[in-house]
Amino acid sequence: MLGFLWAIILILLALWVLGLIFKIAGAFIHILLIIAIVLVITNLIFGMFRRG
């Protein structure tokens, strides 16, 4: 699951950079990037709780 999450994050970052360069779907990519950042933060927080 963690590998899948990182793959999504990398794809979103690549799309974000392309959106900045070519001005394509900027708002949509930014929303997806914010969602990805929130998922990473929650994954890090809950990962700490699991390790104890």
PDB file of N, CA and C in Angstrom:
ATOM      1  N   MET A   1       0.823  -1.202   0.000  1.00  0.00           N
ATOM      2  CA  MET A   1       0.000   0.000   0.000  1.00  0.00           C
ATOM      3  C   MET A   1       0.862   1.259   0.000  1.00  0.00           C
ATOM      4  N   LEU A   2       1.969   1.209   0.747  1.00  0.00           N
ATOM      5  CA  LEU A   2       2.831   2.379   0.832  1.00  0.00           C
ATOM      6  C   LEU A   2       3.487   2.675  -0.511  1.00  0.00           C
ATOM      7  N   GLY A   3       3.888   1.640  -1.245  1.00  0.00           N
ATOM      8  CA  GLY A   3       4.473   1.839  -2.569  1.00  0.00           C
ATOM      9  C   GLY A   3       3.482   2.444  -3.541  1.00  0.00           C
ATOM     10  N   PHE A   4       2.241   2.030  -3.433  1.00  0.00           N
ATOM     11  CA  PHE A   4       1.182   2.567  -4.294  1.00  0.00           C
ATOM     12  C   PHE A   4       0.966   4.046  -3.999  1.00  0.00           C
ATOM     13  N   LEU A   5       0.983   4.414  -2.724  1.00  0.00           N
ATOM     14  CA  LEU A   5       0.798   5.806  -2.327  1.00  0.00           C
ATOM     15  C   LEU A   5       1.931   6.672  -2.859  1.00  0.00           C
ATOM     16  N   TRP A   6       3.166   6.190  -2.752  1.00  0.00           N
ATOM     17  CA  TRP A   6       4.296   6.962  -3.261  1.00  0.00           C
ATOM     18  C   TRP A   6       4.248   7.075  -4.778  1.00  0.00           C
ATOM     19  N   ALA A   7       3.760   6.062  -5.469  1.00  0.00           N
ATOM     20  CA  ALA A   7       3.623   6.140  -6.925  1.00  0.00           C
ATOM     21  C   ALA A   7       2.624   7.220  -7.316  1.00  0.00           C
ATOM     22  N   ILE A   8       1.521   7.287  -6.595  1.00  0.00           N
ATOM     23  CA  ILE A   8       0.513   8.324  -6.866  1.00  0.00           C
ATOM     24  C   ILE A   8       1.096   9.706  -6.611  1.00  0.00           C
ATOM     25  N   ILE A   9       1.862   9.840  -5.530  1.00  0.00           N
ATOM     26  CA  ILE A   9       2.458  11.131  -5.200  1.00  0.00           C
ATOM     27  C   ILE A   9       3.433  11.566  -6.296  1.00  0.00           C
ATOM     28  N   LEU A  10       4.260  10.648  -6.762  1.00  0.00           N
ATOM     29  CA  LEU A  10       5.213  11.000  -7.819  1.00  0.00           C
ATOM     30  C   LEU A  10       4.516  11.390  -9.115  1.00  0.00           C
ATOM     31  N   ILE A  11       3.451  10.684  -9.455  1.00  0.00           N
ATOM     32  CA  ILE A  11       2.689  11.017 -10.659  1.00  0.00           C
ATOM     33  C   ILE A  11       2.058  12.396 -10.523  1.00  0.00           C
ATOM     34  N   LEU A  12       1.496  12.689  -9.351  1.00  0.00           N
ATOM     35  CA  LEU A  12       0.885  13.998  -9.141  1.00  0.00           C
ATOM     36  C   LEU A  12       1.916  15.119  -9.180  1.00  0.00           C
ATOM     37  N   LEU A  13       3.085  14.872  -8.626  1.00  0.00           N
ATOM     38  CA  LEU A  13       4.133  15.885  -8.690  1.00  0.00           C
ATOM     39  C   LEU A  13       4.576  16.136 -10.128  1.00  0.00           C
ATOM     40  N   ALA A  14       4.694  15.072 -10.899  1.00  0.00           N
ATOM     41  CA  ALA A  14       5.074  15.230 -12.304  1.00  0.00           C
ATOM     42  C   ALA A  14       3.998  16.007 -13.068  1.00  0.00           C
ATOM     43  N   LEU A  15       2.746  15.692 -12.834  1.00  0.00           N
ATOM     44  CA  LEU A  15       1.657  16.422 -13.498  1.00  0.00           C
ATOM     45  C   LEU A  15       1.616  17.876 -13.057  1.00  0.00           C
ATOM     46  N   TRP A  16       1.930  18.116 -11.767  1.00  0.00           N
ATOM     47  CA  TRP A  16       1.958  19.476 -11.251  1.00  0.00           C
ATOM     48  C   TRP A  16       3.028  20.298 -11.952  1.00  0.00           C
ATOM     49  N   VAL A  17       4.216  19.720 -12.102  1.00  0.00           N
ATOM     50  CA  VAL A  17       5.307  20.419 -12.782  1.00  0.00           C
ATOM     51  C   VAL A  17       4.933  20.686 -14.239  1.00  0.00           C
ATOM     52  N   LEU A  18       4.352  19.702 -14.898  1.00  0.00           N
ATOM     53  CA  LEU A  18       3.910  19.921 -16.281  1.00  0.00           C
ATOM     54  C   LEU A  18       2.839  21.001 -16.356  1.00  0.00           C
ATOM     55  N   GLY A  19       1.951  21.020 -15.370  1.00  0.00           N
ATOM     56  CA  GLY A  19       0.928  22.054 -15.335  1.00  0.00           C
ATOM     57  C   GLY A  19       1.512  23.433 -15.151  1.00  0.00           C
ATOM     58  N   LEU A  20       2.565  23.526 -14.338  1.00  0.00           N
ATOM     59  CA  LEU A  20       3.214  24.824 -14.159  1.00  0.00           C
ATOM     60  C   LEU A  20       3.918  25.267 -15.430  1.00  0.00           C
ATOM     61  N   ILE A  21       4.534  24.327 -16.122  1.00  0.00           N
ATOM     62  CA  ILE A  21       5.294  24.670 -17.321  1.00  0.00           C
ATOM     63  C   ILE A  21       4.361  25.026 -18.476  1.00  0.00           C
ATOM     64  N   PHE A  22       3.353  24.213 -18.706  1.00  0.00           N
ATOM     65  CA  PHE A  22       2.495  24.389 -19.878  1.00  0.00           C
ATOM     66  C   PHE A  22       1.136  25.005 -19.576  1.00  0.00           C
ATOM     67  N   LYS A  23       0.886  25.359 -18.307  1.00  0.00           N
ATOM     68  CA  LYS A  23      -0.396  25.981 -17.890  1.00  0.00           C
ATOM     69  C   LYS A  23      -1.598  25.095 -18.241  1.00  0.00           C
ATOM     70  N   ILE A  24      -1.467  23.790 -17.941  1.00  0.00           N
ATOM     71  CA  ILE A  24      -2.530  22.831 -18.241  1.00  0.00           C
ATOM     72  C   ILE A  24      -3.207  22.418 -16.941  1.00  0.00           C
ATOM     73  N   ALA A  25      -4.508  22.596 -16.861  1.00  0.00           N
ATOM     74  CA  ALA A  25      -5.328  22.117 -15.735  1.00  0.00           C
ATOM     75  C   ALA A  25      -4.706  22.468 -14.391  1.00  0.00           C
ATOM     76  N   GLY A  26      -4.257  23.692 -14.243  1.00  0.00           N
ATOM     77  CA  GLY A  26      -3.546  24.120 -13.049  1.00  0.00           C
ATOM     78  C   GLY A  26      -4.318  23.910 -11.757  1.00  0.00           C
ATOM     79  N   ALA A  27      -5.560  24.355 -11.701  1.00  0.00           N
ATOM     80  CA  ALA A  27      -6.328  24.254 -10.464  1.00  0.00           C
ATOM     81  C   ALA A  27      -6.588  22.797 -10.087  1.00  0.00           C
ATOM     82  N   PHE A  28      -6.909  21.968 -11.053  1.00  0.00           N
ATOM     83  CA  PHE A  28      -7.191  20.558 -10.784  1.00  0.00           C
ATOM     84  C   PHE A  28      -5.951  19.852 -10.244  1.00  0.00           C
ATOM     85  N   ILE A  29      -4.802  20.123 -10.834  1.00  0.00           N
ATOM     86  CA  ILE A  29      -3.561  19.502 -10.393  1.00  0.00           C
ATOM     87  C   ILE A  29      -3.209  19.983  -8.990  1.00  0.00           C
ATOM     88  N   HIS A  30      -3.435  21.252  -8.691  1.00  0.00           N
ATOM     89  CA  HIS A  30      -3.142  21.761  -7.354  1.00  0.00           C
ATOM     90  C   HIS A  30      -4.022  21.101  -6.300  1.00  0.00           C
ATOM     91  N   ILE A  31      -5.277  20.886  -6.628  1.00  0.00           N
ATOM     92  CA  ILE A  31      -6.180  20.211  -5.689  1.00  0.00           C
ATOM     93  C   ILE A  31      -5.711  18.783  -5.446  1.00  0.00           C
ATOM     94  N   LEU A  32      -5.336  18.082  -6.492  1.00  0.00           N
ATOM     95  CA  LEU A  32      -4.841  16.718  -6.335  1.00  0.00           C
ATOM     96  C   LEU A  32      -3.542  16.688  -5.543  1.00  0.00           C
ATOM     97  N   LEU A  33      -2.692  17.675  -5.740  1.00  0.00           N
ATOM     98  CA  LEU A  33      -1.436  17.742  -5.007  1.00  0.00           C
ATOM     99  C   LEU A  33      -1.683  17.981  -3.514  1.00  0.00           C
ATOM    100  N   ILE A  34      -2.621  18.827  -3.191  1.00  0.00           N
ATOM    101  CA  ILE A  34      -2.962  19.069  -1.792  1.00  0.00           C
ATOM    102  C   ILE A  34      -3.515  17.800  -1.151  1.00  0.00           C
ATOM    103  N   ILE A  35      -4.352  17.081  -1.875  1.00  0.00           N
ATOM    104  CA  ILE A  35      -4.880  15.812  -1.357  1.00  0.00           C
ATOM    105  C   ILE A  35      -3.737  14.829  -1.108  1.00  0.00           C
ATOM    106  N   ALA A  36      -2.787  14.774  -2.030  1.00  0.00           N
ATOM    107  CA  ALA A  36      -1.648  13.868  -1.868  1.00  0.00           C
ATOM    108  C   ALA A  36      -0.807  14.249  -0.660  1.00  0.00           C
ATOM    109  N   ILE A  37      -0.600  15.532  -0.436  1.00  0.00           N
ATOM    110  CA  ILE A  37       0.175  15.975   0.719  1.00  0.00           C
ATOM    111  C   ILE A  37      -0.541  15.619   2.013  1.00  0.00           C
ATOM    112  N   VAL A  38      -1.844  15.796   2.052  1.00  0.00           N
ATOM    113  CA  VAL A  38      -2.614  15.426   3.243  1.00  0.00           C
ATOM    114  C   VAL A  38      -2.508  13.921   3.496  1.00  0.00           C
ATOM    115  N   LEU A  39      -2.566  13.120   2.446  1.00  0.00           N
ATOM    116  CA  LEU A  39      -2.430  11.672   2.618  1.00  0.00           C
ATOM    117  C   LEU A  39      -1.060  11.285   3.145  1.00  0.00           C
ATOM    118  N   VAL A  40      -0.023  11.958   2.671  1.00  0.00           N
ATOM    119  CA  VAL A  40       1.325  11.664   3.157  1.00  0.00           C
ATOM    120  C   VAL A  40       1.454  12.014   4.638  1.00  0.00           C
ATOM    121  N   ILE A  41       0.937  13.157   5.019  1.00  0.00           N
ATOM    122  CA  ILE A  41       1.026  13.571   6.420  1.00  0.00           C
ATOM    123  C   ILE A  41       0.256  12.619   7.320  1.00  0.00           C
ATOM    124  N   THR A  42      -0.949  12.240   6.923  1.00  0.00           N
ATOM    125  CA  THR A  42      -1.713  11.304   7.753  1.00  0.00           C
ATOM    126  C   THR A  42      -1.037   9.941   7.799  1.00  0.00           C
ATOM    127  N   ASN A  43      -0.423   9.524   6.699  1.00  0.00           N
ATOM    128  CA  ASN A  43       0.286   8.252   6.675  1.00  0.00           C
ATOM    129  C   ASN A  43       1.485   8.298   7.624  1.00  0.00           C
ATOM    130  N   LEU A  44       2.207   9.405   7.651  1.00  0.00           N
ATOM    131  CA  LEU A  44       3.338   9.535   8.558  1.00  0.00           C
ATOM    132  C   LEU A  44       2.894   9.542  10.013  1.00  0.00           C
ATOM    133  N   ILE A  45       1.810  10.249  10.298  1.00  0.00           N
ATOM    134  CA  ILE A  45       1.322  10.325  11.680  1.00  0.00           C
ATOM    135  C   ILE A  45       0.832   8.970  12.158  1.00  0.00           C
ATOM    136  N   PHE A  46       0.004   8.309  11.370  1.00  0.00           N
ATOM    137  CA  PHE A  46      -0.520   7.015  11.793  1.00  0.00           C
ATOM    138  C   PHE A  46       0.562   5.939  11.765  1.00  0.00           C
ATOM    139  N   GLY A  47       1.574   6.101  10.919  1.00  0.00           N
ATOM    140  CA  GLY A  47       2.699   5.178  10.896  1.00  0.00           C
ATOM    141  C   GLY A  47       3.496   5.237  12.187  1.00  0.00           C
ATOM    142  N   MET A  48       3.600   6.443  12.762  1.00  0.00           N
ATOM    143  CA  MET A  48       4.302   6.585  14.038  1.00  0.00           C
ATOM    144  C   MET A  48       3.544   5.875  15.161  1.00  0.00           C
ATOM    145  N   PHE A  49       2.207   5.953  15.127  1.00  0.00           N
ATOM    146  CA  PHE A  49       1.401   5.309  16.164  1.00  0.00           C
ATOM    147  C   PHE A  49       1.504   3.793  16.077  1.00  0.00           C
ATOM    148  N   ARG A  50       1.614   3.271  14.865  1.00  0.00           N
ATOM    149  CA  ARG A  50       1.707   1.821  14.699  1.00  0.00           C
ATOM    150  C   ARG A  50       3.034   1.269  15.207  1.00  0.00           C
ATOM    151  N   ARG A  51       4.095   2.062  15.025  1.00  0.00           N
ATOM    152  CA  ARG A  51       5.411   1.587  15.480  1.00  0.00           C
ATOM    153  C   ARG A  51       5.530   1.620  17.002  1.00  0.00           C
ATOM    154  N   GLY A  52       4.735   2.462  17.619  1.00  0.00           N
ATOM    155  CA  GLY A  52       4.662   2.486  19.072  1.00  0.00           C
ATOM    156  C   GLY A  52       5.614   3.414  19.693  1.00  0.00           C
TER     157      GLY A  52
END
